[in-house]
C-alpha atoms as a PDB file:
ATOM      1  CA  UNK A   1     106.734  89.087 122.110  1.00  0.00           C
ATOM      2  CA  UNK A   2     103.412  88.304 124.095  1.00  0.00           C
ATOM      3  CA  UNK A   3     101.799  85.103 123.795  1.00  0.00           C
ATOM      4  CA  UNK A   4      97.956  84.912 123.901  1.00  0.00           C
ATOM      5  CA  UNK A   5      95.292  82.179 125.151  1.00  0.00           C
ATOM      6  CA  UNK A   6      91.578  82.446 124.466  1.00  0.00           C
ATOM      7  CA  UNK A   7      89.530  81.510 127.456  1.00  0.00           C
ATOM      8  CA  UNK A   8      86.081  81.102 125.882  1.00  0.00           C
ATOM      9  CA  UNK A   9      83.261  78.790 125.065  1.00  0.00           C
ATOM     10  CA  UNK A  10      83.183  76.918 121.961  1.00  0.00           C
ATOM     11  CA  UNK A  11      79.289  77.177 121.986  1.00  0.00           C
ATOM     12  CA  UNK A  12      79.340  80.876 122.094  1.00  0.00           C
ATOM     13  CA  UNK A  13      82.294  82.332 120.004  1.00  0.00           C
ATOM     14  CA  UNK A  14      80.893  85.976 120.441  1.00  0.00           C
ATOM     15  CA  UNK A  15      81.953  85.995 124.044  1.00  0.00           C
ATOM     16  CA  UNK A  16      85.651  85.395 125.071  1.00  0.00           C
ATOM     17  CA  UNK A  17      88.415  86.231 127.426  1.00  0.00           C
ATOM     18  CA  UNK A  18      91.843  86.618 125.899  1.00  0.00           C
ATOM     19  CA  UNK A  19      94.795  86.330 128.368  1.00  0.00           C
ATOM     20  CA  UNK A  20      98.007  88.171 127.234  1.00  0.00           C
ATOM     21  CA  UNK A  21     101.176  87.341 128.769  1.00  0.00           C
ATOM     22  CA  UNK A  22     103.978  89.772 128.959  1.00  0.00           C
ATOM     23  CA  UNK A  23     101.775  92.811 128.463  1.00  0.00           C
ATOM     24  CA  UNK A  24     100.297  95.447 130.771  1.00  0.00           C
ATOM     25  CA  UNK A  25      98.045  98.522 130.805  1.00  0.00           C
ATOM     26  CA  UNK A  26      99.705 100.128 127.787  1.00  0.00           C
ATOM     27  CA  UNK A  27      98.526  97.382 125.346  1.00  0.00           C
ATOM     28  CA  UNK A  28      95.309  96.605 127.226  1.00  0.00           C
ATOM     29  CA  UNK A  29      94.078 100.213 127.371  1.00  0.00           C
ATOM     30  CA  UNK A  30      94.786 100.898 123.796  1.00  0.00           C
ATOM     31  CA  UNK A  31      92.973  97.806 122.732  1.00  0.00           C
ATOM     32  CA  UNK A  32      90.015  98.524 125.060  1.00  0.00           C
ATOM     33  CA  UNK A  33      89.687 101.831 123.486  1.00  0.00           C
ATOM     34  CA  UNK A  34      89.699 100.487 119.820  1.00  0.00           C
ATOM     35  CA  UNK A  35      87.384  97.799 120.644  1.00  0.00           C
ATOM     36  CA  UNK A  36      84.847  99.961 122.323  1.00  0.00           C
ATOM     37  CA  UNK A  37      84.631 102.156 119.428  1.00  0.00           C
ATOM     38  CA  UNK A  38      83.877  99.084 117.230  1.00  0.00           C
ATOM     39  CA  UNK A  39      80.046  98.776 116.490  1.00  0.00           C
ATOM     40  CA  UNK A  40      80.450  95.011 116.599  1.00  0.00           C
ATOM     41  CA  UNK A  41      81.291  95.140 120.256  1.00  0.00           C
ATOM     42  CA  UNK A  42      78.777  95.030 123.014  1.00  0.00           C
ATOM     43  CA  UNK A  43      81.117  94.826 125.848  1.00  0.00           C
ATOM     44  CA  UNK A  44      84.988  95.216 126.233  1.00  0.00           C
ATOM     45  CA  UNK A  45      87.056  95.447 129.382  1.00  0.00           C
ATOM     46  CA  UNK A  46      90.237  94.332 130.748  1.00  0.00           C
ATOM     47  CA  UNK A  47      91.851  93.332 134.134  1.00  0.00           C
ATOM     48  CA  UNK A  48      95.340  92.573 135.547  1.00  0.00           C
ATOM     49  CA  UNK A  49      94.972  89.524 137.794  1.00  0.00           C
ATOM     50  CA  UNK A  50      97.633  90.797 140.115  1.00  0.00           C
ATOM     51  CA  UNK A  51     100.336  93.504 139.966  1.00  0.00           C
ATOM     52  CA  UNK A  52     103.085  91.054 140.283  1.00  0.00           C
ATOM     53  CA  UNK A  53     101.886  89.033 137.152  1.00  0.00           C
ATOM     54  CA  UNK A  54     102.864  90.215 133.793  1.00  0.00           C
ATOM     55  CA  UNK A  55      99.523  89.319 132.294  1.00  0.00           C
ATOM     56  CA  UNK A  56      96.380  90.963 131.178  1.00  0.00           C
ATOM     57  CA  UNK A  57      93.016  89.586 130.594  1.00  0.00           C
ATOM     58  CA  UNK A  58      90.691  91.063 128.090  1.00  0.00           C
ATOM     59  CA  UNK A  59      86.959  90.356 127.803  1.00  0.00           C
ATOM     60  CA  UNK A  60      85.194  90.903 124.364  1.00  0.00           C
ATOM     61  CA  UNK A  61      81.502  90.256 124.009  1.00  0.00           C
ATOM     62  CA  UNK A  62      80.197  90.824 120.347  1.00  0.00           C
ATOM     63  CA  UNK A  63      76.875  91.501 118.678  1.00  0.00           C
ATOM     64  CA  UNK A  64      77.629  88.186 116.439  1.00  0.00           C
ATOM     65  CA  UNK A  65      80.995  88.114 114.916  1.00  0.00           C
ATOM     66  CA  UNK A  66      83.461  85.749 116.573  1.00  0.00           C
ATOM     67  CA  UNK A  67      85.449  87.718 119.432  1.00  0.00           C
ATOM     68  CA  UNK A  68      88.657  86.278 118.105  1.00  0.00           C
ATOM     69  CA  UNK A  69      88.219  87.946 114.639  1.00  0.00           C
ATOM     70  CA  UNK A  70      87.092  91.187 116.202  1.00  0.00           C
ATOM     71  CA  UNK A  71      90.192  91.166 118.424  1.00  0.00           C
ATOM     72  CA  UNK A  72      92.397  90.440 115.386  1.00  0.00           C
ATOM     73  CA  UNK A  73      90.788  93.425 113.575  1.00  0.00           C
ATOM     74  CA  UNK A  74      91.343  95.660 116.693  1.00  0.00           C
ATOM     75  CA  UNK A  75      95.135  94.675 116.834  1.00  0.00           C
ATOM     76  CA  UNK A  76      95.594  95.460 113.139  1.00  0.00           C
ATOM     77  CA  UNK A  77      93.922  98.757 113.475  1.00  0.00           C
ATOM     78  CA  UNK A  78      96.028  99.644 116.493  1.00  0.00           C
ATOM     79  CA  UNK A  79      99.182  98.474 114.484  1.00  0.00           C
ATOM     80  CA  UNK A  80      98.251 100.926 111.600  1.00  0.00           C
ATOM     81  CA  UNK A  81      97.642 103.771 114.138  1.00  0.00           C
ATOM     82  CA  UNK A  82     101.087 103.221 115.688  1.00  0.00           C
ATOM     83  CA  UNK A  83     102.773 103.238 112.301  1.00  0.00           C
ATOM     84  CA  UNK A  84     101.101 106.551 111.407  1.00  0.00           C
ATOM     85  CA  UNK A  85     101.944 108.056 114.709  1.00  0.00           C
ATOM     86  CA  UNK A  86     105.821 106.893 114.304  1.00  0.00           C
ATOM     87  CA  UNK A  87     105.799 108.166 110.718  1.00  0.00           C
ATOM     88  CA  UNK A  88     104.205 111.649 111.771  1.00  0.00           C
ATOM     89  CA  UNK A  89     106.767 111.882 114.660  1.00  0.00           C
ATOM     90  CA  UNK A  90     109.829 110.887 112.586  1.00  0.00           C
ATOM     91  CA  UNK A  91     108.897 113.555 109.898  1.00  0.00           C
ATOM     92  CA  UNK A  92     108.351 116.253 112.455  1.00  0.00           C
ATOM     93  CA  UNK A  93     111.783 115.299 113.922  1.00  0.00           C
ATOM     94  CA  UNK A  94     113.332 115.530 110.537  1.00  0.00           C
ATOM     95  CA  UNK A  95     111.687 118.811 109.755  1.00  0.00           C
ATOM     96  CA  UNK A  96     112.900 120.277 113.097  1.00  0.00           C
ATOM     97  CA  UNK A  97     116.484 119.047 112.332  1.00  0.00           C
ATOM     98  CA  UNK A  98     116.617 120.799 108.959  1.00  0.00           C
ATOM     99  CA  UNK A  99     115.137 124.005 110.458  1.00  0.00           C
ATOM    100  CA  UNK A 100     117.677 124.046 113.245  1.00  0.00           C
ATOM    101  CA  UNK A 101     120.296 123.456 110.655  1.00  0.00           C
ATOM    102  CA  UNK A 102     119.347 126.257 108.509  1.00  0.00           C
ATOM    103  CA  UNK A 103     119.243 128.578 111.573  1.00  0.00           C
ATOM    104  CA  UNK A 104     122.798 127.541 112.694  1.00  0.00           C
ATOM    105  CA  UNK A 105     123.943 128.352 109.014  1.00  0.00           C
ATOM    106  CA  UNK A 106     122.064 131.702 109.010  1.00  0.00           C
ATOM    107  CA  UNK A 107     123.808 132.485 112.366  1.00  0.00           C
ATOM    108  CA  UNK A 108     127.256 131.567 111.412  1.00  0.00           C
ATOM    109  CA  UNK A 109     127.092 133.400 108.211  1.00  0.00           C
ATOM    110  CA  UNK A 110     125.945 136.687 109.977  1.00  0.00           C
ATOM    111  CA  UNK A 111     122.553 136.508 108.220  1.00  0.00           C
ATOM    112  CA  UNK A 112     119.679 136.994 110.493  1.00  0.00           C
ATOM    113  CA  UNK A 113     116.111 136.227 109.794  1.00  0.00           C
ATOM    114  CA  UNK A 114     113.627 139.178 109.595  1.00  0.00           C
ATOM    115  CA  UNK A 115     111.732 139.758 112.812  1.00  0.00           C
ATOM    116  CA  UNK A 116     108.039 138.944 112.673  1.00  0.00           C
ATOM    117  CA  UNK A 117     107.155 141.621 115.238  1.00  0.00           C
END
């Protein structure tokens, strides 16, 4: 599990850089996408300091809300999206397995499906 450190100013909670350890482009680009769609975000970008470091820096500047809260909301949104994708994928795989089994049963019993041509 990644650890996070906020590198911001206490005087301006609307602009912060967050350093995520043990993360890469996969999480950073997904977060950047979600954050840039949030109307509270003025700027969001990320960088990887060095290819050999397993760390990502994400910079967030907001219109007034604390950057930390906006990041938490974005992480929550990303988690919900991933859960939806996983559920949709799992359902599609299950449907495919059922359809494949039904096709095998029809083939073994000599029953063929009508042609759609």
